[in-house]
Amino acid sequence: MATPDPTVIGVLITTITGMSTAIGVLWKTVMAHVKSIEDRLRQCEDDRNELWKALAEQAGEDVSTLQQRTLRKDQ
């Protein structure tokens, strides 16, 4: 078996390092976007719960009772 050319090995190592760095940067970017989406989802759920509380207060009922009644009407 022939001895590999040191230049080819250097290019391969540089390519692998560059690709690994690119993957790491992309992973970090994607995870930041996922965290942002999760934060917005949490805010949306909090807003939805506050709306249910306001509706239940106006109706003079408990939130769970109002939700159950609404679910039964939808079915």
PDB file of N, CA and C in Angstrom:
ATOM      1  N   MET A   1       0.842  -1.164   0.000  1.00  0.00           N
ATOM      2  CA  MET A   1       0.000   0.000   0.000  1.00  0.00           C
ATOM      3  C   MET A   1       0.894   1.236   0.000  1.00  0.00           C
ATOM      4  N   ALA A   2       0.501   2.213  -0.783  1.00  0.00           N
ATOM      5  CA  ALA A   2       1.320   3.419  -0.912  1.00  0.00           C
ATOM      6  C   ALA A   2       1.087   4.356   0.267  1.00  0.00           C
ATOM      7  N   THR A   3       2.099   5.129   0.574  1.00  0.00           N
ATOM      8  CA  THR A   3       1.989   6.126   1.642  1.00  0.00           C
ATOM      9  C   THR A   3       1.178   7.317   1.118  1.00  0.00           C
ATOM     10  N   PRO A   4       0.158   7.750   1.870  1.00  0.00           N
ATOM     11  CA  PRO A   4      -0.659   8.863   1.399  1.00  0.00           C
ATOM     12  C   PRO A   4       0.136  10.173   1.390  1.00  0.00           C
ATOM     13  N   ASP A   5      -0.224  11.017   0.480  1.00  0.00           N
ATOM     14  CA  ASP A   5       0.414  12.318   0.343  1.00  0.00           C
ATOM     15  C   ASP A   5       0.036  13.203   1.543  1.00  0.00           C
ATOM     16  N   PRO A   6       1.005  13.829   2.208  1.00  0.00           N
ATOM     17  CA  PRO A   6       0.697  14.674   3.362  1.00  0.00           C
ATOM     18  C   PRO A   6      -0.226  15.852   3.013  1.00  0.00           C
ATOM     19  N   THR A   7      -0.154  16.338   1.800  1.00  0.00           N
ATOM     20  CA  THR A   7      -1.027  17.442   1.392  1.00  0.00           C
ATOM     21  C   THR A   7      -2.487  17.000   1.374  1.00  0.00           C
ATOM     22  N   VAL A   8      -2.742  15.810   0.879  1.00  0.00           N
ATOM     23  CA  VAL A   8      -4.108  15.277   0.827  1.00  0.00           C
ATOM     24  C   VAL A   8      -4.632  15.090   2.243  1.00  0.00           C
ATOM     25  N   ILE A   9      -3.811  14.564   3.128  1.00  0.00           N
ATOM     26  CA  ILE A   9      -4.227  14.364   4.519  1.00  0.00           C
ATOM     27  C   ILE A   9      -4.533  15.717   5.162  1.00  0.00           C
ATOM     28  N   GLY A  10      -3.697  16.716   4.908  1.00  0.00           N
ATOM     29  CA  GLY A  10      -3.934  18.051   5.454  1.00  0.00           C
ATOM     30  C   GLY A  10      -5.234  18.654   4.950  1.00  0.00           C
ATOM     31  N   VAL A  11      -5.504  18.477   3.662  1.00  0.00           N
ATOM     32  CA  VAL A  11      -6.758  18.995   3.089  1.00  0.00           C
ATOM     33  C   VAL A  11      -7.952  18.281   3.699  1.00  0.00           C
ATOM     34  N   LEU A  12      -7.863  16.971   3.877  1.00  0.00           N
ATOM     35  CA  LEU A  12      -8.967  16.217   4.483  1.00  0.00           C
ATOM     36  C   LEU A  12      -9.222  16.672   5.920  1.00  0.00           C
ATOM     37  N   ILE A  13      -8.161  16.825   6.682  1.00  0.00           N
ATOM     38  CA  ILE A  13      -8.316  17.264   8.079  1.00  0.00           C
ATOM     39  C   ILE A  13      -8.916  18.667   8.134  1.00  0.00           C
ATOM     40  N   THR A  14      -8.456  19.561   7.267  1.00  0.00           N
ATOM     41  CA  THR A  14      -8.999  20.922   7.220  1.00  0.00           C
ATOM     42  C   THR A  14     -10.467  20.905   6.835  1.00  0.00           C
ATOM     43  N   THR A  15     -10.829  20.082   5.873  1.00  0.00           N
ATOM     44  CA  THR A  15     -12.224  19.974   5.437  1.00  0.00           C
ATOM     45  C   THR A  15     -13.102  19.444   6.557  1.00  0.00           C
ATOM     46  N   ILE A  16     -12.645  18.406   7.221  1.00  0.00           N
ATOM     47  CA  ILE A  16     -13.416  17.823   8.324  1.00  0.00           C
ATOM     48  C   ILE A  16     -13.583  18.836   9.453  1.00  0.00           C
ATOM     49  N   THR A  17     -12.533  19.565   9.775  1.00  0.00           N
ATOM     50  CA  THR A  17     -12.610  20.584  10.826  1.00  0.00           C
ATOM     51  C   THR A  17     -13.593  21.683  10.429  1.00  0.00           C
ATOM     52  N   GLY A  18     -13.524  22.138   9.191  1.00  0.00           N
ATOM     53  CA  GLY A  18     -14.437  23.172   8.715  1.00  0.00           C
ATOM     54  C   GLY A  18     -15.882  22.728   8.743  1.00  0.00           C
ATOM     55  N   MET A  19     -16.124  21.494   8.316  1.00  0.00           N
ATOM     56  CA  MET A  19     -17.493  20.972   8.318  1.00  0.00           C
ATOM     57  C   MET A  19     -18.007  20.811   9.751  1.00  0.00           C
ATOM     58  N   SER A  20     -17.146  20.367  10.644  1.00  0.00           N
ATOM     59  CA  SER A  20     -17.542  20.219  12.052  1.00  0.00           C
ATOM     60  C   SER A  20     -17.895  21.577  12.656  1.00  0.00           C
ATOM     61  N   THR A  21     -17.117  22.581  12.327  1.00  0.00           N
ATOM     62  CA  THR A  21     -17.403  23.933  12.816  1.00  0.00           C
ATOM     63  C   THR A  21     -18.724  24.433  12.264  1.00  0.00           C
ATOM     64  N   ALA A  22     -18.959  24.217  10.974  1.00  0.00           N
ATOM     65  CA  ALA A  22     -20.213  24.653  10.359  1.00  0.00           C
ATOM     66  C   ALA A  22     -21.404  23.956  11.004  1.00  0.00           C
ATOM     67  N   ILE A  23     -21.291  22.680  11.263  1.00  0.00           N
ATOM     68  CA  ILE A  23     -22.369  21.927  11.909  1.00  0.00           C
ATOM     69  C   ILE A  23     -22.617  22.482  13.309  1.00  0.00           C
ATOM     70  N   GLY A  24     -21.553  22.771  14.037  1.00  0.00           N
ATOM     71  CA  GLY A  24     -21.698  23.336  15.381  1.00  0.00           C
ATOM     72  C   GLY A  24     -22.406  24.683  15.367  1.00  0.00           C
ATOM     73  N   VAL A  25     -22.035  25.539  14.425  1.00  0.00           N
ATOM     74  CA  VAL A  25     -22.670  26.859  14.325  1.00  0.00           C
ATOM     75  C   VAL A  25     -24.142  26.711  13.951  1.00  0.00           C
ATOM     76  N   LEU A  26     -24.440  25.846  12.996  1.00  0.00           N
ATOM     77  CA  LEU A  26     -25.831  25.626  12.596  1.00  0.00           C
ATOM     78  C   LEU A  26     -26.654  25.052  13.748  1.00  0.00           C
ATOM     79  N   TRP A  27     -26.080  24.130  14.491  1.00  0.00           N
ATOM     80  CA  TRP A  27     -26.771  23.532  15.646  1.00  0.00           C
ATOM     81  C   TRP A  27     -27.103  24.610  16.669  1.00  0.00           C
ATOM     82  N   LYS A  28     -26.141  25.473  16.969  1.00  0.00           N
ATOM     83  CA  LYS A  28     -26.348  26.550  17.936  1.00  0.00           C
ATOM     84  C   LYS A  28     -27.455  27.491  17.446  1.00  0.00           C
ATOM     85  N   THR A  29     -27.462  27.811  16.165  1.00  0.00           N
ATOM     86  CA  THR A  29     -28.479  28.695  15.592  1.00  0.00           C
ATOM     87  C   THR A  29     -29.861  28.061  15.682  1.00  0.00           C
ATOM     88  N   VAL A  30     -29.962  26.799  15.322  1.00  0.00           N
ATOM     89  CA  VAL A  30     -31.251  26.101  15.373  1.00  0.00           C
ATOM     90  C   VAL A  30     -31.768  26.028  16.803  1.00  0.00           C
ATOM     91  N   MET A  31     -30.898  25.728  17.750  1.00  0.00           N
ATOM     92  CA  MET A  31     -31.323  25.631  19.147  1.00  0.00           C
ATOM     93  C   MET A  31     -31.786  26.988  19.680  1.00  0.00           C
ATOM     94  N   ALA A  32     -31.164  28.073  19.235  1.00  0.00           N
ATOM     95  CA  ALA A  32     -31.605  29.410  19.641  1.00  0.00           C
ATOM     96  C   ALA A  32     -33.007  29.687  19.101  1.00  0.00           C
ATOM     97  N   HIS A  33     -33.271  29.275  17.852  1.00  0.00           N
ATOM     98  CA  HIS A  33     -34.602  29.450  17.278  1.00  0.00           C
ATOM     99  C   HIS A  33     -35.632  28.595  18.011  1.00  0.00           C
ATOM    100  N   VAL A  34     -35.268  27.384  18.374  1.00  0.00           N
ATOM    101  CA  VAL A  34     -36.187  26.504  19.100  1.00  0.00           C
ATOM    102  C   VAL A  34     -36.527  27.118  20.455  1.00  0.00           C
ATOM    103  N   LYS A  35     -35.533  27.671  21.136  1.00  0.00           N
ATOM    104  CA  LYS A  35     -35.778  28.307  22.433  1.00  0.00           C
ATOM    105  C   LYS A  35     -36.720  29.492  22.270  1.00  0.00           C
ATOM    106  N   SER A  36     -36.515  30.272  21.221  1.00  0.00           N
ATOM    107  CA  SER A  36     -37.393  31.421  20.955  1.00  0.00           C
ATOM    108  C   SER A  36     -38.827  30.967  20.708  1.00  0.00           C
ATOM    109  N   ILE A  37     -38.993  29.911  19.943  1.00  0.00           N
ATOM    110  CA  ILE A  37     -40.329  29.380  19.653  1.00  0.00           C
ATOM    111  C   ILE A  37     -40.980  28.849  20.928  1.00  0.00           C
ATOM    112  N   GLU A  38     -40.213  28.163  21.761  1.00  0.00           N
ATOM    113  CA  GLU A  38     -40.759  27.638  23.019  1.00  0.00           C
ATOM    114  C   GLU A  38     -41.190  28.775  23.937  1.00  0.00           C
ATOM    115  N   ASP A  39     -40.425  29.861  23.968  1.00  0.00           N
ATOM    116  CA  ASP A  39     -40.795  31.015  24.791  1.00  0.00           C
ATOM    117  C   ASP A  39     -42.105  31.633  24.306  1.00  0.00           C
ATOM    118  N   ARG A  40     -42.238  31.782  22.979  1.00  0.00           N
ATOM    119  CA  ARG A  40     -43.476  32.334  22.418  1.00  0.00           C
ATOM    120  C   ARG A  40     -44.661  31.410  22.684  1.00  0.00           C
ATOM    121  N   LEU A  41     -44.436  30.112  22.603  1.00  0.00           N
ATOM    122  CA  LEU A  41     -45.498  29.150  22.883  1.00  0.00           C
ATOM    123  C   LEU A  41     -45.950  29.263  24.333  1.00  0.00           C
ATOM    124  N   ARG A  42     -45.002  29.388  25.246  1.00  0.00           N
ATOM    125  CA  ARG A  42     -45.317  29.527  26.666  1.00  0.00           C
ATOM    126  C   ARG A  42     -46.136  30.804  26.900  1.00  0.00           C
ATOM    127  N   GLN A  43     -45.749  31.905  26.242  1.00  0.00           N
ATOM    128  CA  GLN A  43     -46.503  33.152  26.375  1.00  0.00           C
ATOM    129  C   GLN A  43     -47.917  32.994  25.829  1.00  0.00           C
ATOM    130  N   CYS A  44     -48.049  32.290  24.721  1.00  0.00           N
ATOM    131  CA  CYS A  44     -49.363  32.057  24.121  1.00  0.00           C
ATOM    132  C   CYS A  44     -50.239  31.231  25.064  1.00  0.00           C
ATOM    133  N   GLU A  45     -49.664  30.214  25.671  1.00  0.00           N
ATOM    134  CA  GLU A  45     -50.426  29.384  26.603  1.00  0.00           C
ATOM    135  C   GLU A  45     -50.846  30.186  27.829  1.00  0.00           C
ATOM    136  N   ASP A  46     -49.956  31.056  28.308  1.00  0.00           N
ATOM    137  CA  ASP A  46     -50.304  31.908  29.452  1.00  0.00           C
ATOM    138  C   ASP A  46     -51.449  32.855  29.091  1.00  0.00           C
ATOM    139  N   ASP A  47     -51.384  33.436  27.885  1.00  0.00           N
ATOM    140  CA  ASP A  47     -52.459  34.321  27.427  1.00  0.00           C
ATOM    141  C   ASP A  47     -53.777  33.567  27.312  1.00  0.00           C
ATOM    142  N   ARG A  48     -53.707  32.349  26.786  1.00  0.00           N
ATOM    143  CA  ARG A  48     -54.929  31.542  26.640  1.00  0.00           C
ATOM    144  C   ARG A  48     -55.544  31.235  28.004  1.00  0.00           C
ATOM    145  N   ASN A  49     -54.693  30.904  28.968  1.00  0.00           N
ATOM    146  CA  ASN A  49     -55.201  30.631  30.319  1.00  0.00           C
ATOM    147  C   ASN A  49     -55.826  31.875  30.937  1.00  0.00           C
ATOM    148  N   GLU A  50     -55.219  33.032  30.715  1.00  0.00           N
ATOM    149  CA  GLU A  50     -55.788  34.282  31.235  1.00  0.00           C
ATOM    150  C   GLU A  50     -57.129  34.582  30.586  1.00  0.00           C
ATOM    151  N   LEU A  51     -57.248  34.296  29.285  1.00  0.00           N
ATOM    152  CA  LEU A  51     -58.536  34.492  28.610  1.00  0.00           C
ATOM    153  C   LEU A  51     -59.613  33.577  29.184  1.00  0.00           C
ATOM    154  N   TRP A  52     -59.259  32.322  29.446  1.00  0.00           N
ATOM    155  CA  TRP A  52     -60.217  31.390  30.044  1.00  0.00           C
ATOM    156  C   TRP A  52     -60.657  31.883  31.422  1.00  0.00           C
ATOM    157  N   LYS A  53     -59.697  32.405  32.198  1.00  0.00           N
ATOM    158  CA  LYS A  53     -60.030  32.919  33.531  1.00  0.00           C
ATOM    159  C   LYS A  53     -60.983  34.110  33.427  1.00  0.00           C
ATOM    160  N   ALA A  54     -60.721  35.017  32.468  1.00  0.00           N
ATOM    161  CA  ALA A  54     -61.582  36.189  32.297  1.00  0.00           C
ATOM    162  C   ALA A  54     -62.986  35.762  31.853  1.00  0.00           C
ATOM    163  N   LEU A  55     -63.064  34.811  30.939  1.00  0.00           N
ATOM    164  CA  LEU A  55     -64.372  34.326  30.490  1.00  0.00           C
ATOM    165  C   LEU A  55     -65.122  33.638  31.626  1.00  0.00           C
ATOM    166  N   ALA A  56     -64.415  32.851  32.408  1.00  0.00           N
ATOM    167  CA  ALA A  56     -65.053  32.146  33.524  1.00  0.00           C
ATOM    168  C   ALA A  56     -65.542  33.150  34.570  1.00  0.00           C
ATOM    169  N   GLU A  57     -64.759  34.192  34.803  1.00  0.00           N
ATOM    170  CA  GLU A  57     -65.167  35.208  35.769  1.00  0.00           C
ATOM    171  C   GLU A  57     -66.433  35.926  35.297  1.00  0.00           C
ATOM    172  N   GLN A  58     -66.478  36.236  34.002  1.00  0.00           N
ATOM    173  CA  GLN A  58     -67.660  36.898  33.452  1.00  0.00           C
ATOM    174  C   GLN A  58     -68.886  35.991  33.496  1.00  0.00           C
ATOM    175  N   ALA A  59     -68.656  34.700  33.306  1.00  0.00           N
ATOM    176  CA  ALA A  59     -69.764  33.740  33.325  1.00  0.00           C
ATOM    177  C   ALA A  59     -70.147  33.352  34.750  1.00  0.00           C
ATOM    178  N   GLY A  60     -69.311  33.699  35.717  1.00  0.00           N
ATOM    179  CA  GLY A  60     -69.598  33.345  37.101  1.00  0.00           C
ATOM    180  C   GLY A  60     -69.406  31.871  37.382  1.00  0.00           C
ATOM    181  N   GLU A  61     -68.506  31.234  36.663  1.00  0.00           N
ATOM    182  CA  GLU A  61     -68.264  29.804  36.838  1.00  0.00           C
ATOM    183  C   GLU A  61     -66.772  29.542  37.014  1.00  0.00           C
ATOM    184  N   ASP A  62     -66.480  28.307  37.368  1.00  0.00           N
ATOM    185  CA  ASP A  62     -65.091  27.856  37.480  1.00  0.00           C
ATOM    186  C   ASP A  62     -64.534  27.614  36.074  1.00  0.00           C
ATOM    187  N   VAL A  63     -63.237  27.812  35.899  1.00  0.00           N
ATOM    188  CA  VAL A  63     -62.608  27.649  34.583  1.00  0.00           C
ATOM    189  C   VAL A  63     -62.815  26.239  34.044  1.00  0.00           C
ATOM    190  N   SER A  64     -62.592  25.238  34.889  1.00  0.00           N
ATOM    191  CA  SER A  64     -62.713  23.852  34.409  1.00  0.00           C
ATOM    192  C   SER A  64     -64.146  23.519  34.001  1.00  0.00           C
ATOM    193  N   THR A  65     -65.117  24.053  34.725  1.00  0.00           N
ATOM    194  CA  THR A  65     -66.518  23.820  34.372  1.00  0.00           C
ATOM    195  C   THR A  65     -66.840  24.441  33.017  1.00  0.00           C
ATOM    196  N   LEU A  66     -66.361  25.663  32.818  1.00  0.00           N
ATOM    197  CA  LEU A  66     -66.602  26.354  31.551  1.00  0.00           C
ATOM    198  C   LEU A  66     -65.925  25.627  30.392  1.00  0.00           C
ATOM    199  N   GLN A  67     -64.716  25.151  30.608  1.00  0.00           N
ATOM    200  CA  GLN A  67     -64.004  24.422  29.561  1.00  0.00           C
ATOM    201  C   GLN A  67     -64.715  23.116  29.229  1.00  0.00           C
ATOM    202  N   GLN A  68     -65.173  22.399  30.242  1.00  0.00           N
ATOM    203  CA  GLN A  68     -65.886  21.138  30.005  1.00  0.00           C
ATOM    204  C   GLN A  68     -67.152  21.379  29.206  1.00  0.00           C
ATOM    205  N   ARG A  69     -67.880  22.420  29.558  1.00  0.00           N
ATOM    206  CA  ARG A  69     -69.123  22.723  28.865  1.00  0.00           C
ATOM    207  C   ARG A  69     -68.837  23.089  27.405  1.00  0.00           C
ATOM    208  N   THR A  70     -67.763  23.834  27.176  1.00  0.00           N
ATOM    209  CA  THR A  70     -67.383  24.207  25.823  1.00  0.00           C
ATOM    210  C   THR A  70     -66.973  22.988  25.008  1.00  0.00           C
ATOM    211  N   LEU A  71     -66.229  22.078  25.629  1.00  0.00           N
ATOM    212  CA  LEU A  71     -65.794  20.863  24.925  1.00  0.00           C
ATOM    213  C   LEU A  71     -66.999  20.010  24.549  1.00  0.00           C
ATOM    214  N   ARG A  72     -67.993  19.906  25.417  1.00  0.00           N
ATOM    215  CA  ARG A  72     -69.177  19.100  25.119  1.00  0.00           C
ATOM    216  C   ARG A  72     -69.960  19.693  23.951  1.00  0.00           C
ATOM    217  N   LYS A  73     -70.013  21.027  23.852  1.00  0.00           N
ATOM    218  CA  LYS A  73     -70.724  21.661  22.749  1.00  0.00           C
ATOM    219  C   LYS A  73     -70.026  21.410  21.417  1.00  0.00           C
ATOM    220  N   ASP A  74     -68.693  21.343  21.446  1.00  0.00           N
ATOM    221  CA  ASP A  74     -67.926  21.128  20.215  1.00  0.00           C
ATOM    222  C   ASP A  74     -68.075  19.712  19.677  1.00  0.00           C
ATOM    223  N   GLN A  75     -68.404  18.769  20.527  1.00  0.00           N
ATOM    224  CA  GLN A  75     -68.467  17.377  20.097  1.00  0.00           C
ATOM    225  C   GLN A  75     -69.798  17.077  19.575  1.00  0.00           C
TER     226      GLN A  75
END
